[in-house]
Amino acid sequence: MRQTDASAELAPERRRPAREPAASTAGPLAQGREFVWTDADFARVKSLIYQRAGISLHDGKHAMVYSRLSRRLRETGHTSFNDYLGWLESHDGNEWQEFVNALTTNLTSFFRESHHFDIFSAHLRSRPAGSPWSVWCSAASTGEEPYSIVMTAMEALGNNPSFKLTASDIDSRVLATAAQGVYRLESIKGLSQERLQRFFLRGKGSNAGMVRVKPELGRMIDFISVNLIRDDWPFREPFDVVFCRNVMIYFDGPTQRRVLERIHRVLKPGGMLFVGHAENFSESRDLFTLRGKTVYERR
């Protein structure tokens, strides 16, 4: 349940500067903010999100972290970051998921980095008709990427392919959105008319301006929660293809290596790994061989 906004209670504290941490010991205090925010708070958040999600925050993320976590203080009724973080550390409940959700970035679109889908389509066509495929999309976000993968599979293999996609994310909220498969009309403006007619249903009446992916696409996808830095990946059979795009940029070098080793273990020999345009794993040549623009093959 949403708590009452604490800003009114906090105002008297601002009129007593002696109660605020000194800038020399806790970092600069920004003026005009609802909550006191110090370098010590930021360092604490950096440590916690690294432990929980492997995300490595740099110092330029001060404003982003303050903005996103301020919402959690309001929701939980805390009047300082120090109190909120102390409460978080002492509880092992749902707020940890909300903390991670708040600090993850979900920038996506249909057929983003389109050259990947051309390569993926050719790869699907390289096997005899009817061959089974198992694919993992490890950063599903709000669903645009997994649905793009399934659309590509149907275009390459036909309407009823032997194709299964596992779509995962660490953020529970975006996974729920992905599973619904409902989007604003403007989000699909870049798609061809043929794809719009084949794969989407247009909303009417109160749903005007919205579209929904057709049910046959959703039936090919399992949406699950997976934390890439944990050892409890739930996969029993290896994948033919893994999409792990624009995720590793949030990890430091050692974390990237650990995640790549685990992806290597869940990929079949010769399996394909698609990564983001800013990601380069030349230092992991023992695991993967570059086969195209940000496309790797498992060694």
C-alpha atoms as a PDB file:
ATOM      1  CA  MET A   1       0.000   0.000   0.000  1.00  0.00           C
ATOM      2  CA  ARG A   2       1.271   3.479  -0.866  1.00  0.00           C
ATOM      3  CA  GLN A   3       2.364   5.418   2.204  1.00  0.00           C
ATOM      4  CA  THR A   4       1.669   9.110   2.771  1.00  0.00           C
ATOM      5  CA  ASP A   5       4.311  11.348   1.161  1.00  0.00           C
ATOM      6  CA  ALA A   6       6.905  12.095   3.805  1.00  0.00           C
ATOM      7  CA  SER A   7       8.047  15.441   2.390  1.00  0.00           C
ATOM      8  CA  ALA A   8       5.846  17.463   4.737  1.00  0.00           C
ATOM      9  CA  GLU A   9       7.323  15.714   7.752  1.00  0.00           C
ATOM     10  CA  LEU A  10      10.822  16.224   6.471  1.00  0.00           C
ATOM     11  CA  ALA A  11      10.574  19.988   6.004  1.00  0.00           C
ATOM     12  CA  PRO A  12      11.226  20.886   9.675  1.00  0.00           C
ATOM     13  CA  GLU A  13      14.406  18.804   9.542  1.00  0.00           C
ATOM     14  CA  ARG A  14      15.746  20.991   6.746  1.00  0.00           C
ATOM     15  CA  ARG A  15      15.455  24.017   9.005  1.00  0.00           C
ATOM     16  CA  ARG A  16      17.864  22.370  11.432  1.00  0.00           C
ATOM     17  CA  PRO A  17      21.096  22.000   9.473  1.00  0.00           C
ATOM     18  CA  ALA A  18      22.874  20.523  12.455  1.00  0.00           C
ATOM     19  CA  ARG A  19      20.857  17.345  11.905  1.00  0.00           C
ATOM     20  CA  GLU A  20      22.240  16.874   8.377  1.00  0.00           C
ATOM     21  CA  PRO A  21      25.547  15.029   7.779  1.00  0.00           C
ATOM     22  CA  ALA A  22      28.474  17.308   7.158  1.00  0.00           C
ATOM     23  CA  ALA A  23      29.532  17.511   3.517  1.00  0.00           C
ATOM     24  CA  SER A  24      33.145  16.895   4.505  1.00  0.00           C
ATOM     25  CA  THR A  25      32.332  13.444   5.892  1.00  0.00           C
ATOM     26  CA  ALA A  26      29.319  12.288   3.882  1.00  0.00           C
ATOM     27  CA  GLY A  27      29.672  14.067   0.565  1.00  0.00           C
ATOM     28  CA  PRO A  28      27.963  17.088  -0.994  1.00  0.00           C
ATOM     29  CA  LEU A  29      24.325  17.736  -0.205  1.00  0.00           C
ATOM     30  CA  ALA A  30      22.253  18.855  -3.173  1.00  0.00           C
ATOM     31  CA  GLN A  31      19.959  21.786  -2.540  1.00  0.00           C
ATOM     32  CA  GLY A  32      16.223  21.644  -3.097  1.00  0.00           C
ATOM     33  CA  ARG A  33      15.862  17.890  -2.825  1.00  0.00           C
ATOM     34  CA  GLU A  34      13.110  16.181  -0.923  1.00  0.00           C
ATOM     35  CA  PHE A  35      15.532  13.857   0.866  1.00  0.00           C
ATOM     36  CA  VAL A  36      19.096  14.299   2.061  1.00  0.00           C
ATOM     37  CA  TRP A  37      21.402  12.508  -0.399  1.00  0.00           C
ATOM     38  CA  THR A  38      25.102  11.979   0.310  1.00  0.00           C
ATOM     39  CA  ASP A  39      28.109  10.256  -1.204  1.00  0.00           C
ATOM     40  CA  ALA A  40      27.835   7.720   1.604  1.00  0.00           C
ATOM     41  CA  ASP A  41      24.254   6.889   0.548  1.00  0.00           C
ATOM     42  CA  PHE A  42      25.351   6.466  -3.057  1.00  0.00           C
ATOM     43  CA  ALA A  43      28.270   4.221  -2.080  1.00  0.00           C
ATOM     44  CA  ARG A  44      25.910   2.060  -0.052  1.00  0.00           C
ATOM     45  CA  VAL A  45      23.465   1.737  -2.970  1.00  0.00           C
ATOM     46  CA  LYS A  46      26.354   0.886  -5.314  1.00  0.00           C
ATOM     47  CA  SER A  47      27.449  -1.938  -3.040  1.00  0.00           C
ATOM     48  CA  LEU A  48      23.942  -3.358  -2.597  1.00  0.00           C
ATOM     49  CA  ILE A  49      22.962  -3.375  -6.285  1.00  0.00           C
ATOM     50  CA  TYR A  50      26.315  -4.912  -7.193  1.00  0.00           C
ATOM     51  CA  GLN A  51      25.770  -7.701  -4.683  1.00  0.00           C
ATOM     52  CA  ARG A  52      22.189  -8.343  -5.778  1.00  0.00           C
ATOM     53  CA  ALA A  53      22.323  -7.847  -9.549  1.00  0.00           C
ATOM     54  CA  GLY A  54      25.955  -7.423 -10.555  1.00  0.00           C
ATOM     55  CA  ILE A  55      25.236  -3.888 -11.781  1.00  0.00           C
ATOM     56  CA  SER A  56      28.271  -1.631 -11.555  1.00  0.00           C
ATOM     57  CA  LEU A  57      27.188   1.998 -11.073  1.00  0.00           C
ATOM     58  CA  HIS A  58      29.644   4.784 -11.880  1.00  0.00           C
ATOM     59  CA  ASP A  59      29.714   8.160 -10.171  1.00  0.00           C
ATOM     60  CA  GLY A  60      27.779   9.828 -12.976  1.00  0.00           C
ATOM     61  CA  LYS A  61      24.653   7.941 -11.870  1.00  0.00           C
ATOM     62  CA  HIS A  62      24.042   9.994  -8.707  1.00  0.00           C
ATOM     63  CA  ALA A  63      20.993  11.824 -10.080  1.00  0.00           C
ATOM     64  CA  MET A  64      19.469   8.708 -11.630  1.00  0.00           C
ATOM     65  CA  VAL A  65      19.803   6.678  -8.442  1.00  0.00           C
ATOM     66  CA  TYR A  66      18.392   9.467  -6.283  1.00  0.00           C
ATOM     67  CA  SER A  67      15.390   9.953  -8.576  1.00  0.00           C
ATOM     68  CA  ARG A  68      14.493   6.282  -8.840  1.00  0.00           C
ATOM     69  CA  LEU A  69      15.011   5.351  -5.205  1.00  0.00           C
ATOM     70  CA  SER A  70      13.205   8.438  -3.904  1.00  0.00           C
ATOM     71  CA  ARG A  71      10.035   6.741  -5.130  1.00  0.00           C
ATOM     72  CA  ARG A  72      10.809   3.736  -2.967  1.00  0.00           C
ATOM     73  CA  LEU A  73      11.233   5.993   0.096  1.00  0.00           C
ATOM     74  CA  ARG A  74       7.812   7.508  -0.550  1.00  0.00           C
ATOM     75  CA  GLU A  75       6.235   4.085  -1.141  1.00  0.00           C
ATOM     76  CA  THR A  76       7.670   2.611   2.056  1.00  0.00           C
ATOM     77  CA  GLY A  77       7.225   5.708   4.222  1.00  0.00           C
ATOM     78  CA  HIS A  78      10.904   6.285   4.998  1.00  0.00           C
ATOM     79  CA  THR A  79      12.188   9.826   5.471  1.00  0.00           C
ATOM     80  CA  SER A  80      15.877   9.239   4.727  1.00  0.00           C
ATOM     81  CA  PHE A  81      18.014   7.033   2.535  1.00  0.00           C
ATOM     82  CA  ASN A  82      19.929   5.913   5.596  1.00  0.00           C
ATOM     83  CA  ASP A  83      16.741   4.600   7.222  1.00  0.00           C
ATOM     84  CA  TYR A  84      15.470   2.999   4.015  1.00  0.00           C
ATOM     85  CA  LEU A  85      18.731   1.206   3.244  1.00  0.00           C
ATOM     86  CA  GLY A  86      19.086   0.031   6.843  1.00  0.00           C
ATOM     87  CA  TRP A  87      15.544  -1.352   6.748  1.00  0.00           C
ATOM     88  CA  LEU A  88      16.224  -3.006   3.385  1.00  0.00           C
ATOM     89  CA  GLU A  89      19.356  -4.723   4.666  1.00  0.00           C
ATOM     90  CA  SER A  90      17.512  -6.070   7.712  1.00  0.00           C
ATOM     91  CA  HIS A  91      14.651  -7.624   5.715  1.00  0.00           C
ATOM     92  CA  ASP A  92      14.634 -10.364   3.096  1.00  0.00           C
ATOM     93  CA  GLY A  93      11.268  -9.596   1.534  1.00  0.00           C
ATOM     94  CA  ASN A  94       9.675  -8.193  -1.604  1.00  0.00           C
ATOM     95  CA  GLU A  95      11.338  -4.798  -1.282  1.00  0.00           C
ATOM     96  CA  TRP A  96      14.603  -6.249  -2.556  1.00  0.00           C
ATOM     97  CA  GLN A  97      12.855  -6.961  -5.859  1.00  0.00           C
ATOM     98  CA  GLU A  98      11.484  -3.414  -5.926  1.00  0.00           C
ATOM     99  CA  PHE A  99      14.983  -2.078  -5.199  1.00  0.00           C
ATOM    100  CA  VAL A 100      16.418  -4.011  -8.150  1.00  0.00           C
ATOM    101  CA  ASN A 101      13.477  -3.058 -10.380  1.00  0.00           C
ATOM    102  CA  ALA A 102      14.072   0.619  -9.618  1.00  0.00           C
ATOM    103  CA  LEU A 103      17.732   0.512 -10.633  1.00  0.00           C
ATOM    104  CA  THR A 104      17.535  -1.586 -13.793  1.00  0.00           C
ATOM    105  CA  THR A 105      17.347   0.135 -17.175  1.00  0.00           C
ATOM    106  CA  ASN A 106      14.873  -1.120 -19.776  1.00  0.00           C
ATOM    107  CA  LEU A 107      15.502   0.470 -23.154  1.00  0.00           C
ATOM    108  CA  THR A 108      14.162  -1.682 -25.975  1.00  0.00           C
ATOM    109  CA  SER A 109      12.166  -1.719 -29.202  1.00  0.00           C
ATOM    110  CA  PHE A 110      10.925  -4.156 -31.809  1.00  0.00           C
ATOM    111  CA  PHE A 111      13.716  -5.485 -34.056  1.00  0.00           C
ATOM    112  CA  ARG A 112      16.333  -3.339 -32.368  1.00  0.00           C
ATOM    113  CA  GLU A 113      19.755  -3.879 -34.021  1.00  0.00           C
ATOM    114  CA  SER A 114      17.974  -5.337 -37.037  1.00  0.00           C
ATOM    115  CA  HIS A 115      21.071  -6.973 -38.531  1.00  0.00           C
ATOM    116  CA  HIS A 116      20.900  -9.549 -35.740  1.00  0.00           C
ATOM    117  CA  PHE A 117      17.521 -10.758 -36.936  1.00  0.00           C
ATOM    118  CA  ASP A 118      18.785 -11.150 -40.504  1.00  0.00           C
ATOM    119  CA  ILE A 119      21.634 -13.340 -39.207  1.00  0.00           C
ATOM    120  CA  PHE A 120      19.275 -15.208 -36.891  1.00  0.00           C
ATOM    121  CA  SER A 121      16.833 -15.865 -39.736  1.00  0.00           C
ATOM    122  CA  ALA A 122      19.598 -17.278 -41.945  1.00  0.00           C
ATOM    123  CA  HIS A 123      20.775 -19.454 -39.045  1.00  0.00           C
ATOM    124  CA  LEU A 124      17.262 -20.858 -38.577  1.00  0.00           C
ATOM    125  CA  ARG A 125      17.062 -21.723 -42.272  1.00  0.00           C
ATOM    126  CA  SER A 126      20.402 -23.552 -42.166  1.00  0.00           C
ATOM    127  CA  ARG A 127      18.867 -26.708 -40.690  1.00  0.00           C
ATOM    128  CA  PRO A 128      16.467 -29.195 -42.305  1.00  0.00           C
ATOM    129  CA  ALA A 129      12.787 -28.286 -42.092  1.00  0.00           C
ATOM    130  CA  GLY A 130      11.139 -29.407 -38.871  1.00  0.00           C
ATOM    131  CA  SER A 131      14.301 -29.288 -36.781  1.00  0.00           C
ATOM    132  CA  PRO A 132      13.572 -28.264 -33.162  1.00  0.00           C
ATOM    133  CA  TRP A 133      14.949 -24.994 -31.815  1.00  0.00           C
ATOM    134  CA  SER A 134      15.489 -23.835 -28.257  1.00  0.00           C
ATOM    135  CA  VAL A 135      16.394 -20.169 -27.749  1.00  0.00           C
ATOM    136  CA  TRP A 136      16.962 -17.993 -24.678  1.00  0.00           C
ATOM    137  CA  CYS A 137      16.397 -14.247 -24.559  1.00  0.00           C
ATOM    138  CA  SER A 138      18.142 -13.288 -21.317  1.00  0.00           C
ATOM    139  CA  ALA A 139      17.012  -9.648 -21.134  1.00  0.00           C
ATOM    140  CA  ALA A 140      13.359  -9.729 -22.149  1.00  0.00           C
ATOM    141  CA  SER A 141      12.502  -6.292 -20.746  1.00  0.00           C
ATOM    142  CA  THR A 142       8.953  -5.335 -21.758  1.00  0.00           C
ATOM    143  CA  GLY A 143       8.784  -8.004 -24.465  1.00  0.00           C
ATOM    144  CA  GLU A 144       9.721  -6.289 -27.709  1.00  0.00           C
ATOM    145  CA  GLU A 145      12.868  -8.390 -28.133  1.00  0.00           C
ATOM    146  CA  PRO A 146      11.352 -11.839 -27.437  1.00  0.00           C
ATOM    147  CA  TYR A 147       8.383 -11.130 -29.699  1.00  0.00           C
ATOM    148  CA  SER A 148      10.781  -9.977 -32.431  1.00  0.00           C
ATOM    149  CA  ILE A 149      12.649 -13.276 -32.046  1.00  0.00           C
ATOM    150  CA  VAL A 150       9.453 -15.321 -32.344  1.00  0.00           C
ATOM    151  CA  MET A 151       8.241 -13.293 -35.346  1.00  0.00           C
ATOM    152  CA  THR A 152      11.564 -13.971 -37.056  1.00  0.00           C
ATOM    153  CA  ALA A 153      11.209 -17.688 -36.308  1.00  0.00           C
ATOM    154  CA  MET A 154       7.725 -17.831 -37.808  1.00  0.00           C
ATOM    155  CA  GLU A 155       8.866 -15.978 -40.909  1.00  0.00           C
ATOM    156  CA  ALA A 156      11.845 -18.310 -41.360  1.00  0.00           C
ATOM    157  CA  LEU A 157      10.261 -21.623 -40.349  1.00  0.00           C
ATOM    158  CA  GLY A 158       6.535 -21.252 -40.994  1.00  0.00           C
ATOM    159  CA  ASN A 159       3.516 -20.679 -38.792  1.00  0.00           C
ATOM    160  CA  ASN A 160       3.884 -23.750 -36.568  1.00  0.00           C
ATOM    161  CA  PRO A 161       7.613 -24.231 -36.075  1.00  0.00           C
ATOM    162  CA  SER A 162       9.211 -26.561 -33.549  1.00  0.00           C
ATOM    163  CA  PHE A 163      10.501 -23.532 -31.709  1.00  0.00           C
ATOM    164  CA  LYS A 164      10.547 -22.617 -28.031  1.00  0.00           C
ATOM    165  CA  LEU A 165      11.787 -19.346 -26.541  1.00  0.00           C
ATOM    166  CA  THR A 166      12.658 -18.814 -22.901  1.00  0.00           C
ATOM    167  CA  ALA A 167      12.452 -15.100 -22.121  1.00  0.00           C
ATOM    168  CA  SER A 168      13.857 -13.924 -18.803  1.00  0.00           C
ATOM    169  CA  ASP A 169      14.632 -10.745 -16.924  1.00  0.00           C
ATOM    170  CA  ILE A 170      15.613  -9.725 -13.406  1.00  0.00           C
ATOM    171  CA  ASP A 171      12.903  -7.021 -13.314  1.00  0.00           C
ATOM    172  CA  SER A 172       9.545  -8.514 -12.319  1.00  0.00           C
ATOM    173  CA  ARG A 173       7.516  -5.528 -13.508  1.00  0.00           C
ATOM    174  CA  VAL A 174       8.775  -5.548 -17.092  1.00  0.00           C
ATOM    175  CA  LEU A 175       8.280  -9.324 -17.286  1.00  0.00           C
ATOM    176  CA  ALA A 176       4.619  -8.864 -16.384  1.00  0.00           C
ATOM    177  CA  THR A 177       4.292  -6.281 -19.164  1.00  0.00           C
ATOM    178  CA  ALA A 178       6.033  -8.627 -21.610  1.00  0.00           C
ATOM    179  CA  ALA A 179       3.693 -11.510 -20.790  1.00  0.00           C
ATOM    180  CA  GLN A 180       0.663  -9.291 -21.517  1.00  0.00           C
ATOM    181  CA  GLY A 181       1.988  -8.397 -24.968  1.00  0.00           C
ATOM    182  CA  VAL A 182       0.071  -5.107 -25.166  1.00  0.00           C
ATOM    183  CA  TYR A 183       1.745  -2.017 -26.637  1.00  0.00           C
ATOM    184  CA  ARG A 184       0.956   1.500 -27.751  1.00  0.00           C
ATOM    185  CA  LEU A 185       0.428   1.842 -31.471  1.00  0.00           C
ATOM    186  CA  GLU A 186       3.352   4.241 -31.858  1.00  0.00           C
ATOM    187  CA  SER A 187       5.779   1.582 -30.584  1.00  0.00           C
ATOM    188  CA  ILE A 188       5.227  -0.534 -33.729  1.00  0.00           C
ATOM    189  CA  LYS A 189       5.317   2.255 -36.309  1.00  0.00           C
ATOM    190  CA  GLY A 190       8.621   0.988 -37.669  1.00  0.00           C
ATOM    191  CA  LEU A 191       7.205  -2.429 -38.566  1.00  0.00           C
ATOM    192  CA  SER A 192       6.062  -3.348 -42.064  1.00  0.00           C
ATOM    193  CA  GLN A 193       2.366  -3.538 -42.863  1.00  0.00           C
ATOM    194  CA  GLU A 194       2.792  -7.246 -43.491  1.00  0.00           C
ATOM    195  CA  ARG A 195       4.128  -7.819 -39.966  1.00  0.00           C
ATOM    196  CA  LEU A 196       1.438  -5.645 -38.426  1.00  0.00           C
ATOM    197  CA  GLN A 197      -1.303  -7.689 -40.086  1.00  0.00           C
ATOM    198  CA  ARG A 198       0.300 -11.050 -39.434  1.00  0.00           C
ATOM    199  CA  PHE A 199       1.360 -10.665 -35.813  1.00  0.00           C
ATOM    200  CA  PHE A 200      -0.783  -7.987 -34.111  1.00  0.00           C
ATOM    201  CA  LEU A 201      -4.384  -7.289 -33.161  1.00  0.00           C
ATOM    202  CA  ARG A 202      -5.468  -3.646 -33.158  1.00  0.00           C
ATOM    203  CA  GLY A 203      -7.421  -2.388 -30.158  1.00  0.00           C
ATOM    204  CA  LYS A 204     -10.928  -0.978 -30.560  1.00  0.00           C
ATOM    205  CA  GLY A 205     -13.163   1.209 -28.436  1.00  0.00           C
ATOM    206  CA  SER A 206     -11.542   1.865 -25.080  1.00  0.00           C
ATOM    207  CA  ASN A 207      -8.418   0.055 -26.349  1.00  0.00           C
ATOM    208  CA  ALA A 208      -8.010   2.286 -29.399  1.00  0.00           C
ATOM    209  CA  GLY A 209      -4.405   3.289 -29.889  1.00  0.00           C
ATOM    210  CA  MET A 210      -3.173  -0.041 -28.505  1.00  0.00           C
ATOM    211  CA  VAL A 211      -2.131  -3.324 -30.107  1.00  0.00           C
ATOM    212  CA  ARG A 212      -1.748  -6.861 -28.760  1.00  0.00           C
ATOM    213  CA  VAL A 213       0.528  -9.562 -30.120  1.00  0.00           C
ATOM    214  CA  LYS A 214      -1.461 -12.515 -31.442  1.00  0.00           C
ATOM    215  CA  PRO A 215      -1.866 -15.442 -29.032  1.00  0.00           C
ATOM    216  CA  GLU A 216       0.165 -17.837 -31.180  1.00  0.00           C
ATOM    217  CA  LEU A 217       3.292 -15.773 -30.485  1.00  0.00           C
ATOM    218  CA  GLY A 218       2.786 -15.877 -26.732  1.00  0.00           C
ATOM    219  CA  ARG A 219       2.291 -19.651 -26.782  1.00  0.00           C
ATOM    220  CA  MET A 220       5.860 -20.059 -28.027  1.00  0.00           C
ATOM    221  CA  ILE A 221       7.381 -18.142 -25.094  1.00  0.00           C
ATOM    222  CA  ASP A 222       8.009 -19.001 -21.452  1.00  0.00           C
ATOM    223  CA  PHE A 223       8.526 -15.850 -19.361  1.00  0.00           C
ATOM    224  CA  ILE A 224      10.598 -16.498 -16.240  1.00  0.00           C
ATOM    225  CA  SER A 225      12.696 -14.543 -13.748  1.00  0.00           C
ATOM    226  CA  VAL A 226      16.456 -15.142 -13.948  1.00  0.00           C
ATOM    227  CA  ASN A 227      19.241 -13.240 -12.186  1.00  0.00           C
ATOM    228  CA  LEU A 228      22.292 -13.586 -14.432  1.00  0.00           C
ATOM    229  CA  ILE A 229      24.832 -13.319 -11.605  1.00  0.00           C
ATOM    230  CA  ARG A 230      23.318 -16.096  -9.497  1.00  0.00           C
ATOM    231  CA  ASP A 231      24.169 -19.786  -9.798  1.00  0.00           C
ATOM    232  CA  ASP A 232      20.553 -20.994  -9.814  1.00  0.00           C
ATOM    233  CA  TRP A 233      19.780 -20.810 -13.538  1.00  0.00           C
ATOM    234  CA  PRO A 234      16.853 -23.214 -13.995  1.00  0.00           C
ATOM    235  CA  PHE A 235      17.813 -24.661 -17.376  1.00  0.00           C
ATOM    236  CA  ARG A 236      18.066 -28.434 -17.845  1.00  0.00           C
ATOM    237  CA  GLU A 237      18.714 -28.589 -21.583  1.00  0.00           C
ATOM    238  CA  PRO A 238      21.210 -26.474 -23.561  1.00  0.00           C
ATOM    239  CA  PHE A 239      20.098 -23.798 -26.013  1.00  0.00           C
ATOM    240  CA  ASP A 240      20.782 -23.443 -29.718  1.00  0.00           C
ATOM    241  CA  VAL A 241      20.885 -19.631 -29.511  1.00  0.00           C
ATOM    242  CA  VAL A 242      21.196 -17.077 -26.709  1.00  0.00           C
ATOM    243  CA  PHE A 243      20.367 -13.386 -26.974  1.00  0.00           C
ATOM    244  CA  CYS A 244      22.160 -11.429 -24.237  1.00  0.00           C
ATOM    245  CA  ARG A 245      22.106  -7.924 -25.662  1.00  0.00           C
ATOM    246  CA  ASN A 246      22.999  -4.694 -23.891  1.00  0.00           C
ATOM    247  CA  VAL A 247      23.259  -6.373 -20.503  1.00  0.00           C
ATOM    248  CA  MET A 248      26.988  -6.863 -20.039  1.00  0.00           C
ATOM    249  CA  ILE A 249      27.626  -3.123 -20.309  1.00  0.00           C
ATOM    250  CA  TYR A 250      26.254  -2.828 -16.758  1.00  0.00           C
ATOM    251  CA  PHE A 251      28.726  -5.414 -15.385  1.00  0.00           C
ATOM    252  CA  ASP A 252      32.396  -5.007 -14.524  1.00  0.00           C
ATOM    253  CA  GLY A 253      35.037  -7.236 -16.137  1.00  0.00           C
ATOM    254  CA  PRO A 254      35.035 -10.106 -13.606  1.00  0.00           C
ATOM    255  CA  THR A 255      31.226 -10.267 -13.595  1.00  0.00           C
ATOM    256  CA  GLN A 256      31.129 -10.293 -17.393  1.00  0.00           C
ATOM    257  CA  ARG A 257      33.524 -13.219 -17.438  1.00  0.00           C
ATOM    258  CA  ARG A 258      31.470 -15.234 -14.934  1.00  0.00           C
ATOM    259  CA  VAL A 259      28.263 -14.653 -16.882  1.00  0.00           C
ATOM    260  CA  LEU A 260      29.940 -15.588 -20.180  1.00  0.00           C
ATOM    261  CA  GLU A 261      31.228 -18.824 -18.648  1.00  0.00           C
ATOM    262  CA  ARG A 262      27.703 -19.707 -17.549  1.00  0.00           C
ATOM    263  CA  ILE A 263      26.255 -18.854 -20.967  1.00  0.00           C
ATOM    264  CA  HIS A 264      28.933 -21.071 -22.491  1.00  0.00           C
ATOM    265  CA  ARG A 265      27.716 -23.934 -20.300  1.00  0.00           C
ATOM    266  CA  VAL A 266      24.059 -23.547 -21.347  1.00  0.00           C
ATOM    267  CA  LEU A 267      24.803 -23.222 -25.079  1.00  0.00           C
ATOM    268  CA  LYS A 268      25.223 -26.205 -27.385  1.00  0.00           C
ATOM    269  CA  PRO A 269      28.600 -26.499 -29.151  1.00  0.00           C
ATOM    270  CA  GLY A 270      28.399 -24.270 -32.200  1.00  0.00           C
ATOM    271  CA  GLY A 271      25.504 -22.347 -30.664  1.00  0.00           C
ATOM    272  CA  MET A 272      25.142 -18.644 -31.419  1.00  0.00           C
ATOM    273  CA  LEU A 273      25.383 -15.768 -28.928  1.00  0.00           C
ATOM    274  CA  PHE A 274      23.989 -12.360 -29.895  1.00  0.00           C
ATOM    275  CA  VAL A 275      25.242  -9.395 -27.836  1.00  0.00           C
ATOM    276  CA  GLY A 276      24.764  -5.621 -27.848  1.00  0.00           C
ATOM    277  CA  HIS A 277      26.386  -3.181 -30.240  1.00  0.00           C
ATOM    278  CA  ALA A 278      28.656  -1.756 -27.506  1.00  0.00           C
ATOM    279  CA  GLU A 279      29.791  -5.129 -26.157  1.00  0.00           C
ATOM    280  CA  ASN A 280      33.043  -6.825 -27.127  1.00  0.00           C
ATOM    281  CA  PHE A 281      34.311 -10.075 -25.662  1.00  0.00           C
ATOM    282  CA  SER A 282      37.622 -10.448 -27.472  1.00  0.00           C
ATOM    283  CA  GLU A 283      39.225 -11.385 -24.152  1.00  0.00           C
ATOM    284  CA  SER A 284      37.026 -14.486 -23.970  1.00  0.00           C
ATOM    285  CA  ARG A 285      38.228 -16.137 -27.182  1.00  0.00           C
ATOM    286  CA  ASP A 286      38.571 -19.394 -25.273  1.00  0.00           C
ATOM    287  CA  LEU A 287      34.777 -19.418 -24.952  1.00  0.00           C
ATOM    288  CA  PHE A 288      33.439 -17.734 -28.082  1.00  0.00           C
ATOM    289  CA  THR A 289      34.563 -16.979 -31.628  1.00  0.00           C
ATOM    290  CA  LEU A 290      33.374 -13.833 -33.386  1.00  0.00           C
ATOM    291  CA  ARG A 291      31.187 -14.766 -36.393  1.00  0.00           C
ATOM    292  CA  GLY A 292      29.696 -11.421 -37.359  1.00  0.00           C
ATOM    293  CA  LYS A 293      28.897  -7.979 -36.063  1.00  0.00           C
ATOM    294  CA  THR A 294      28.379  -8.650 -32.311  1.00  0.00           C
ATOM    295  CA  VAL A 295      27.545 -12.299 -33.043  1.00  0.00           C
ATOM    296  CA  TYR A 296      29.605 -15.088 -31.463  1.00  0.00           C
ATOM    297  CA  GLU A 297      29.780 -18.868 -31.796  1.00  0.00           C
ATOM    298  CA  ARG A 298      30.331 -21.147 -28.800  1.00  0.00           C
ATOM    299  CA  ARG A 299      33.658 -22.918 -28.941  1.00  0.00           C
END
